[in-house]
PDB file of all heavy atoms in Angstrom:
ATOM      1  N   THR A   1     -32.284  -4.585  21.163  1.00  0.00           N
ATOM      2  CA  THR A   1     -31.350  -4.491  22.382  1.00  0.00           C
ATOM      3  C   THR A   1     -29.902  -4.425  21.899  1.00  0.00           C
ATOM      4  O   THR A   1     -29.063  -3.744  22.514  1.00  0.00           O
ATOM      5  CB  THR A   1     -31.541  -5.747  23.280  1.00  0.00           C
ATOM      6  OG1 THR A   1     -32.816  -5.777  23.753  1.00  0.00           O
ATOM      7  CG2 THR A   1     -30.646  -5.803  24.464  1.00  0.00           C
ATOM      8  N   PHE A   2     -29.637  -5.172  20.848  1.00  0.00           N
ATOM      9  CA  PHE A   2     -28.210  -5.331  20.389  1.00  0.00           C
ATOM     10  C   PHE A   2     -27.854  -4.288  19.368  1.00  0.00           C
ATOM     11  O   PHE A   2     -26.772  -4.347  18.711  1.00  0.00           O
ATOM     12  CB  PHE A   2     -28.073  -6.825  19.839  1.00  0.00           C
ATOM     13  CG  PHE A   2     -28.378  -7.815  20.839  1.00  0.00           C
ATOM     14  CD1 PHE A   2     -29.587  -8.536  20.728  1.00  0.00           C
ATOM     15  CD2 PHE A   2     -27.613  -8.120  21.944  1.00  0.00           C
ATOM     16  CE1 PHE A   2     -29.972  -9.530  21.599  1.00  0.00           C
ATOM     17  CE2 PHE A   2     -27.975  -9.004  22.886  1.00  0.00           C
ATOM     18  CZ  PHE A   2     -29.115  -9.752  22.723  1.00  0.00           C
ATOM     19  N   HIS A   3     -28.740  -3.342  19.147  1.00  0.00           N
ATOM     20  CA  HIS A   3     -28.482  -2.201  18.284  1.00  0.00           C
ATOM     21  C   HIS A   3     -28.883  -0.898  19.049  1.00  0.00           C
ATOM     22  O   HIS A   3     -29.878  -0.307  18.670  1.00  0.00           O
ATOM     23  CB  HIS A   3     -29.197  -2.327  16.966  1.00  0.00           C
ATOM     24  CG  HIS A   3     -28.847  -3.547  16.199  1.00  0.00           C
ATOM     25  ND1 HIS A   3     -27.944  -3.625  15.292  1.00  0.00           N
ATOM     26  CD2 HIS A   3     -29.277  -4.803  16.304  1.00  0.00           C
ATOM     27  CE1 HIS A   3     -27.804  -4.829  14.777  1.00  0.00           C
ATOM     28  NE2 HIS A   3     -28.594  -5.558  15.405  1.00  0.00           N
ATOM     29  N   PRO A   4     -28.132  -0.578  20.127  1.00  0.00           N
ATOM     30  CA  PRO A   4     -28.610   0.458  21.057  1.00  0.00           C
ATOM     31  C   PRO A   4     -28.796   1.852  20.336  1.00  0.00           C
ATOM     32  O   PRO A   4     -27.988   2.140  19.430  1.00  0.00           O
ATOM     33  CB  PRO A   4     -27.509   0.493  22.135  1.00  0.00           C
ATOM     34  CG  PRO A   4     -26.388  -0.249  21.576  1.00  0.00           C
ATOM     35  CD  PRO A   4     -26.887  -1.241  20.662  1.00  0.00           C
ATOM     36  N   ARG A   5     -29.788   2.535  20.763  1.00  0.00           N
ATOM     37  CA  ARG A   5     -30.155   3.756  20.093  1.00  0.00           C
ATOM     38  C   ARG A   5     -28.964   4.774  20.264  1.00  0.00           C
ATOM     39  O   ARG A   5     -28.297   4.889  21.272  1.00  0.00           O
ATOM     40  CB  ARG A   5     -31.312   4.370  20.834  1.00  0.00           C
ATOM     41  CG  ARG A   5     -31.893   5.697  20.223  1.00  0.00           C
ATOM     42  CD  ARG A   5     -33.130   6.063  20.880  1.00  0.00           C
ATOM     43  NE  ARG A   5     -32.986   6.178  22.366  1.00  0.00           N
ATOM     44  CZ  ARG A   5     -33.968   6.420  23.229  1.00  0.00           C
ATOM     45  NH1 ARG A   5     -35.136   6.642  22.776  1.00  0.00           N
ATOM     46  NH2 ARG A   5     -33.748   6.559  24.517  1.00  0.00           N
ATOM     47  N   GLY A   6     -28.678   5.455  19.182  1.00  0.00           N
ATOM     48  CA  GLY A   6     -27.639   6.461  19.076  1.00  0.00           C
ATOM     49  C   GLY A   6     -26.306   5.981  18.652  1.00  0.00           C
ATOM     50  O   GLY A   6     -25.302   6.612  18.565  1.00  0.00           O
ATOM     51  N   TYR A   7     -26.196   4.654  18.328  1.00  0.00           N
ATOM     52  CA  TYR A   7     -24.921   4.055  17.915  1.00  0.00           C
ATOM     53  C   TYR A   7     -25.054   3.416  16.528  1.00  0.00           C
ATOM     54  O   TYR A   7     -26.123   2.902  16.209  1.00  0.00           O
ATOM     55  CB  TYR A   7     -24.420   2.900  18.829  1.00  0.00           C
ATOM     56  CG  TYR A   7     -24.018   3.469  20.225  1.00  0.00           C
ATOM     57  CD1 TYR A   7     -24.819   3.338  21.368  1.00  0.00           C
ATOM     58  CD2 TYR A   7     -22.641   3.990  20.359  1.00  0.00           C
ATOM     59  CE1 TYR A   7     -24.291   3.804  22.599  1.00  0.00           C
ATOM     60  CE2 TYR A   7     -22.222   4.488  21.549  1.00  0.00           C
ATOM     61  CZ  TYR A   7     -23.074   4.351  22.674  1.00  0.00           C
ATOM     62  OH  TYR A   7     -22.585   4.840  23.941  1.00  0.00           O
ATOM     63  N   HIS A   8     -23.973   3.417  15.782  1.00  0.00           N
ATOM     64  CA  HIS A   8     -23.764   2.647  14.612  1.00  0.00           C
ATOM     65  C   HIS A   8     -23.090   1.311  15.103  1.00  0.00           C
ATOM     66  O   HIS A   8     -21.992   1.410  15.705  1.00  0.00           O
ATOM     67  CB  HIS A   8     -22.923   3.324  13.597  1.00  0.00           C
ATOM     68  CG  HIS A   8     -23.504   4.644  13.128  1.00  0.00           C
ATOM     69  ND1 HIS A   8     -24.263   4.731  11.957  1.00  0.00           N
ATOM     70  CD2 HIS A   8     -23.397   5.844  13.614  1.00  0.00           C
ATOM     71  CE1 HIS A   8     -24.711   5.841  11.791  1.00  0.00           C
ATOM     72  NE2 HIS A   8     -24.099   6.626  12.711  1.00  0.00           N
ATOM     73  N   CYS A   9     -23.794   0.193  14.828  1.00  0.00           N
ATOM     74  CA  CYS A   9     -23.295  -1.074  15.445  1.00  0.00           C
ATOM     75  C   CYS A   9     -22.767  -1.951  14.351  1.00  0.00           C
ATOM     76  O   CYS A   9     -23.396  -2.181  13.295  1.00  0.00           O
ATOM     77  CB  CYS A   9     -24.468  -1.712  16.115  1.00  0.00           C
ATOM     78  SG  CYS A   9     -25.179  -0.785  17.485  1.00  0.00           S
ATOM     79  N   HIS A  10     -21.556  -2.487  14.646  1.00  0.00           N
ATOM     80  CA  HIS A  10     -20.863  -3.306  13.661  1.00  0.00           C
ATOM     81  C   HIS A  10     -20.391  -4.623  14.361  1.00  0.00           C
ATOM     82  O   HIS A  10     -19.636  -4.540  15.309  1.00  0.00           O
ATOM     83  CB  HIS A  10     -19.653  -2.559  13.113  1.00  0.00           C
ATOM     84  CG  HIS A  10     -19.908  -1.159  12.697  1.00  0.00           C
ATOM     85  ND1 HIS A  10     -20.519  -0.876  11.407  1.00  0.00           N
ATOM     86  CD2 HIS A  10     -19.785   0.078  13.293  1.00  0.00           C
ATOM     87  CE1 HIS A  10     -20.612   0.449  11.361  1.00  0.00           C
ATOM     88  NE2 HIS A  10     -20.192   1.062  12.404  1.00  0.00           N
ATOM     89  N   TYR A  11     -20.829  -5.737  13.746  1.00  0.00           N
ATOM     90  CA  TYR A  11     -20.474  -7.026  14.358  1.00  0.00           C
ATOM     91  C   TYR A  11     -19.653  -7.844  13.401  1.00  0.00           C
ATOM     92  O   TYR A  11     -19.852  -7.767  12.199  1.00  0.00           O
ATOM     93  CB  TYR A  11     -21.794  -7.834  14.644  1.00  0.00           C
ATOM     94  CG  TYR A  11     -22.576  -7.302  15.820  1.00  0.00           C
ATOM     95  CD1 TYR A  11     -23.690  -6.502  15.631  1.00  0.00           C
ATOM     96  CD2 TYR A  11     -22.238  -7.677  17.116  1.00  0.00           C
ATOM     97  CE1 TYR A  11     -24.383  -6.049  16.751  1.00  0.00           C
ATOM     98  CE2 TYR A  11     -22.931  -7.200  18.274  1.00  0.00           C
ATOM     99  CZ  TYR A  11     -24.014  -6.408  18.000  1.00  0.00           C
ATOM    100  OH  TYR A  11     -24.772  -5.943  19.086  1.00  0.00           O
ATOM    101  N   PHE A  12     -18.655  -8.653  13.874  1.00  0.00           N
ATOM    102  CA  PHE A  12     -17.873  -9.472  13.140  1.00  0.00           C
ATOM    103  C   PHE A  12     -17.965 -10.875  13.814  1.00  0.00           C
ATOM    104  O   PHE A  12     -17.435 -10.974  14.963  1.00  0.00           O
ATOM    105  CB  PHE A  12     -16.420  -8.995  13.094  1.00  0.00           C
ATOM    106  CG  PHE A  12     -15.467  -9.835  12.264  1.00  0.00           C
ATOM    107  CD1 PHE A  12     -15.900 -10.556  11.242  1.00  0.00           C
ATOM    108  CD2 PHE A  12     -14.101  -9.829  12.614  1.00  0.00           C
ATOM    109  CE1 PHE A  12     -15.036 -11.460  10.510  1.00  0.00           C
ATOM    110  CE2 PHE A  12     -13.201 -10.666  11.884  1.00  0.00           C
ATOM    111  CZ  PHE A  12     -13.668 -11.443  10.758  1.00  0.00           C
ATOM    112  N   ASP A  13     -18.530 -11.829  13.179  1.00  0.00           N
ATOM    113  CA  ASP A  13     -18.858 -13.078  13.829  1.00  0.00           C
ATOM    114  C   ASP A  13     -17.801 -14.149  13.421  1.00  0.00           C
ATOM    115  O   ASP A  13     -17.469 -14.307  12.280  1.00  0.00           O
ATOM    116  CB  ASP A  13     -20.215 -13.585  13.474  1.00  0.00           C
ATOM    117  CG  ASP A  13     -21.335 -12.525  13.787  1.00  0.00           C
ATOM    118  OD1 ASP A  13     -21.092 -11.734  14.677  1.00  0.00           O
ATOM    119  OD2 ASP A  13     -22.339 -12.511  13.122  1.00  0.00           O
ATOM    120  N   ALA A  14     -17.637 -15.090  14.399  1.00  0.00           N
ATOM    121  CA  ALA A  14     -16.790 -16.233  14.068  1.00  0.00           C
ATOM    122  C   ALA A  14     -17.602 -17.211  13.251  1.00  0.00           C
ATOM    123  O   ALA A  14     -18.727 -17.258  13.250  1.00  0.00           O
ATOM    124  CB  ALA A  14     -16.283 -16.923  15.331  1.00  0.00           C
ATOM    125  N   GLN A  15     -16.897 -18.000  12.455  1.00  0.00           N
ATOM    126  CA  GLN A  15     -17.507 -19.079  11.629  1.00  0.00           C
ATOM    127  C   GLN A  15     -18.153 -20.130  12.605  1.00  0.00           C
ATOM    128  O   GLN A  15     -19.208 -20.651  12.310  1.00  0.00           O
ATOM    129  CB  GLN A  15     -16.528 -19.723  10.709  1.00  0.00           C
ATOM    130  CG  GLN A  15     -16.023 -18.771   9.589  1.00  0.00           C
ATOM    131  CD  GLN A  15     -15.058 -19.381   8.594  1.00  0.00           C
ATOM    132  OE1 GLN A  15     -14.770 -20.570   8.735  1.00  0.00           O
ATOM    133  NE2 GLN A  15     -14.503 -18.607   7.700  1.00  0.00           N
ATOM    134  N   LYS A  16     -17.514 -20.459  13.690  1.00  0.00           N
ATOM    135  CA  LYS A  16     -17.953 -21.363  14.627  1.00  0.00           C
ATOM    136  C   LYS A  16     -18.991 -20.777  15.483  1.00  0.00           C
ATOM    137  O   LYS A  16     -18.804 -19.710  16.082  1.00  0.00           O
ATOM    138  CB  LYS A  16     -16.770 -21.907  15.541  1.00  0.00           C
ATOM    139  CG  LYS A  16     -17.125 -22.856  16.525  1.00  0.00           C
ATOM    140  CD  LYS A  16     -15.939 -23.330  17.270  1.00  0.00           C
ATOM    141  CE  LYS A  16     -16.313 -24.252  18.468  1.00  0.00           C
ATOM    142  NZ  LYS A  16     -15.013 -24.694  19.244  1.00  0.00           N
ATOM    143  N   LYS A  17     -20.201 -21.338  15.576  1.00  0.00           N
ATOM    144  CA  LYS A  17     -21.275 -20.707  16.269  1.00  0.00           C
ATOM    145  C   LYS A  17     -20.974 -20.820  17.750  1.00  0.00           C
ATOM    146  O   LYS A  17     -20.321 -21.718  18.298  1.00  0.00           O
ATOM    147  CB  LYS A  17     -22.565 -21.511  16.005  1.00  0.00           C
ATOM    148  CG  LYS A  17     -23.080 -21.385  14.571  1.00  0.00           C
ATOM    149  CD  LYS A  17     -24.366 -22.151  14.382  1.00  0.00           C
ATOM    150  CE  LYS A  17     -24.894 -21.905  12.972  1.00  0.00           C
ATOM    151  NZ  LYS A  17     -26.154 -22.612  12.707  1.00  0.00           N
ATOM    152  N   GLY A  18     -21.394 -19.709  18.491  1.00  0.00           N
ATOM    153  CA  GLY A  18     -21.198 -19.551  19.907  1.00  0.00           C
ATOM    154  C   GLY A  18     -19.773 -19.457  20.327  1.00  0.00           C
ATOM    155  O   GLY A  18     -19.391 -19.759  21.422  1.00  0.00           O
ATOM    156  N   TYR A  19     -18.917 -18.814  19.491  1.00  0.00           N
ATOM    157  CA  TYR A  19     -17.495 -18.714  19.723  1.00  0.00           C
ATOM    158  C   TYR A  19     -16.958 -17.372  19.348  1.00  0.00           C
ATOM    159  O   TYR A  19     -17.394 -16.812  18.313  1.00  0.00           O
ATOM    160  CB  TYR A  19     -16.772 -19.759  18.959  1.00  0.00           C
ATOM    161  CG  TYR A  19     -15.315 -19.862  19.120  1.00  0.00           C
ATOM    162  CD1 TYR A  19     -14.698 -20.404  20.298  1.00  0.00           C
ATOM    163  CD2 TYR A  19     -14.407 -19.464  18.123  1.00  0.00           C
ATOM    164  CE1 TYR A  19     -13.354 -20.422  20.438  1.00  0.00           C
ATOM    165  CE2 TYR A  19     -13.061 -19.505  18.264  1.00  0.00           C
ATOM    166  CZ  TYR A  19     -12.550 -20.015  19.487  1.00  0.00           C
ATOM    167  OH  TYR A  19     -11.199 -20.073  19.582  1.00  0.00           O
ATOM    168  N   SER A  20     -16.189 -16.828  20.181  1.00  0.00           N
ATOM    169  CA  SER A  20     -15.434 -15.640  19.849  1.00  0.00           C
ATOM    170  C   SER A  20     -16.318 -14.495  19.401  1.00  0.00           C
ATOM    171  O   SER A  20     -17.387 -14.266  19.857  1.00  0.00           O
ATOM    172  CB  SER A  20     -14.267 -15.940  18.803  1.00  0.00           C
ATOM    173  OG  SER A  20     -13.354 -14.919  18.718  1.00  0.00           O
ATOM    174  N   GLY A  21     -15.821 -13.708  18.387  1.00  0.00           N
ATOM    175  CA  GLY A  21     -16.626 -12.572  17.895  1.00  0.00           C
ATOM    176  C   GLY A  21     -16.363 -11.260  18.547  1.00  0.00           C
ATOM    177  O   GLY A  21     -16.136 -11.237  19.764  1.00  0.00           O
ATOM    178  N   VAL A  22     -16.323 -10.172  17.692  1.00  0.00           N
ATOM    179  CA  VAL A  22     -16.045  -8.864  18.232  1.00  0.00           C
ATOM    180  C   VAL A  22     -17.056  -7.923  17.666  1.00  0.00           C
ATOM    181  O   VAL A  22     -17.730  -8.189  16.635  1.00  0.00           O
ATOM    182  CB  VAL A  22     -14.593  -8.332  17.823  1.00  0.00           C
ATOM    183  CG1 VAL A  22     -13.568  -9.124  18.665  1.00  0.00           C
ATOM    184  CG2 VAL A  22     -14.356  -8.528  16.297  1.00  0.00           C
ATOM    185  N   ALA A  23     -17.219  -6.733  18.327  1.00  0.00           N
ATOM    186  CA  ALA A  23     -18.127  -5.771  17.854  1.00  0.00           C
ATOM    187  C   ALA A  23     -17.676  -4.326  18.219  1.00  0.00           C
ATOM    188  O   ALA A  23     -16.801  -4.158  19.159  1.00  0.00           O
ATOM    189  CB  ALA A  23     -19.532  -5.974  18.477  1.00  0.00           C
ATOM    190  N   LEU A  24     -18.121  -3.385  17.415  1.00  0.00           N
ATOM    191  CA  LEU A  24     -17.951  -1.929  17.701  1.00  0.00           C
ATOM    192  C   LEU A  24     -19.245  -1.172  17.593  1.00  0.00           C
ATOM    193  O   LEU A  24     -19.967  -1.358  16.697  1.00  0.00           O
ATOM    194  CB  LEU A  24     -17.032  -1.329  16.552  1.00  0.00           C
ATOM    195  CG  LEU A  24     -15.465  -1.513  16.785  1.00  0.00           C
ATOM    196  CD1 LEU A  24     -14.820  -1.080  15.462  1.00  0.00           C
ATOM    197  CD2 LEU A  24     -14.972  -0.714  17.880  1.00  0.00           C
ATOM    198  N   TYR A  25     -19.475  -0.272  18.647  1.00  0.00           N
ATOM    199  CA  TYR A  25     -20.556   0.644  18.621  1.00  0.00           C
ATOM    200  C   TYR A  25     -19.977   1.974  18.560  1.00  0.00           C
ATOM    201  O   TYR A  25     -19.149   2.308  19.376  1.00  0.00           O
ATOM    202  CB  TYR A  25     -21.502   0.466  19.794  1.00  0.00           C
ATOM    203  CG  TYR A  25     -22.103  -0.819  20.125  1.00  0.00           C
ATOM    204  CD1 TYR A  25     -22.578  -1.058  21.384  1.00  0.00           C
ATOM    205  CD2 TYR A  25     -22.239  -1.817  19.113  1.00  0.00           C
ATOM    206  CE1 TYR A  25     -23.175  -2.353  21.653  1.00  0.00           C
ATOM    207  CE2 TYR A  25     -22.818  -3.061  19.377  1.00  0.00           C
ATOM    208  CZ  TYR A  25     -23.256  -3.268  20.646  1.00  0.00           C
ATOM    209  OH  TYR A  25     -23.838  -4.483  20.940  1.00  0.00           O
ATOM    210  N   THR A  26     -20.408   2.822  17.565  1.00  0.00           N
ATOM    211  CA  THR A  26     -19.791   4.159  17.434  1.00  0.00           C
ATOM    212  C   THR A  26     -20.824   5.190  17.327  1.00  0.00           C
ATOM    213  O   THR A  26     -21.894   4.951  16.588  1.00  0.00           O
ATOM    214  CB  THR A  26     -18.821   4.240  16.252  1.00  0.00           C
ATOM    215  OG1 THR A  26     -19.581   4.055  15.004  1.00  0.00           O
ATOM    216  CG2 THR A  26     -17.716   3.181  16.391  1.00  0.00           C
ATOM    217  N   ARG A  27     -20.694   6.367  18.000  1.00  0.00           N
ATOM    218  CA  ARG A  27     -21.691   7.419  17.813  1.00  0.00           C
ATOM    219  C   ARG A  27     -21.731   7.987  16.417  1.00  0.00           C
ATOM    220  O   ARG A  27     -22.875   8.282  15.873  1.00  0.00           O
ATOM    221  CB  ARG A  27     -21.366   8.580  18.816  1.00  0.00           C
ATOM    222  CG  ARG A  27     -21.497   8.242  20.284  1.00  0.00           C
ATOM    223  CD  ARG A  27     -22.918   8.131  20.640  1.00  0.00           C
ATOM    224  NE  ARG A  27     -23.052   7.945  22.096  1.00  0.00           N
ATOM    225  CZ  ARG A  27     -24.274   7.691  22.751  1.00  0.00           C
ATOM    226  NH1 ARG A  27     -25.345   7.513  22.011  1.00  0.00           N
ATOM    227  NH2 ARG A  27     -24.252   7.554  23.986  1.00  0.00           N
ATOM    228  N   GLN A  28     -20.607   7.996  15.798  1.00  0.00           N
ATOM    229  CA  GLN A  28     -20.517   8.535  14.480  1.00  0.00           C
ATOM    230  C   GLN A  28     -20.255   7.422  13.502  1.00  0.00           C
ATOM    231  O   GLN A  28     -19.517   6.469  13.893  1.00  0.00           O
ATOM    232  CB  GLN A  28     -19.394   9.665  14.340  1.00  0.00           C
ATOM    233  CG  GLN A  28     -19.230  10.189  12.957  1.00  0.00           C
ATOM    234  CD  GLN A  28     -18.129  11.262  13.013  1.00  0.00           C
ATOM    235  OE1 GLN A  28     -18.131  12.129  13.830  1.00  0.00           O
ATOM    236  NE2 GLN A  28     -17.148  11.082  12.078  1.00  0.00           N
ATOM    237  N   ALA A  29     -20.843   7.428  12.306  1.00  0.00           N
ATOM    238  CA  ALA A  29     -20.482   6.473  11.313  1.00  0.00           C
ATOM    239  C   ALA A  29     -19.026   6.601  10.980  1.00  0.00           C
ATOM    240  O   ALA A  29     -18.585   7.641  10.625  1.00  0.00           O
ATOM    241  CB  ALA A  29     -21.391   6.677  10.134  1.00  0.00           C
ATOM    242  N   PRO A  30     -18.343   5.480  10.887  1.00  0.00           N
ATOM    243  CA  PRO A  30     -16.874   5.548  10.636  1.00  0.00           C
ATOM    244  C   PRO A  30     -16.738   5.886   9.044  1.00  0.00           C
ATOM    245  O   PRO A  30     -17.558   5.564   8.252  1.00  0.00           O
ATOM    246  CB  PRO A  30     -16.331   4.173  10.920  1.00  0.00           C
ATOM    247  CG  PRO A  30     -17.585   3.231  10.896  1.00  0.00           C
ATOM    248  CD  PRO A  30     -18.694   4.108  11.304  1.00  0.00           C
TER     249      PRO A  30
END
């Protein structure tokens, strides 16, 4: 679910669990 078909998925997680965090899904690999 968290790696949708057709996208390159990139996650950046906060050290604190359950907090903040950003992500990028891109059709083309950067």
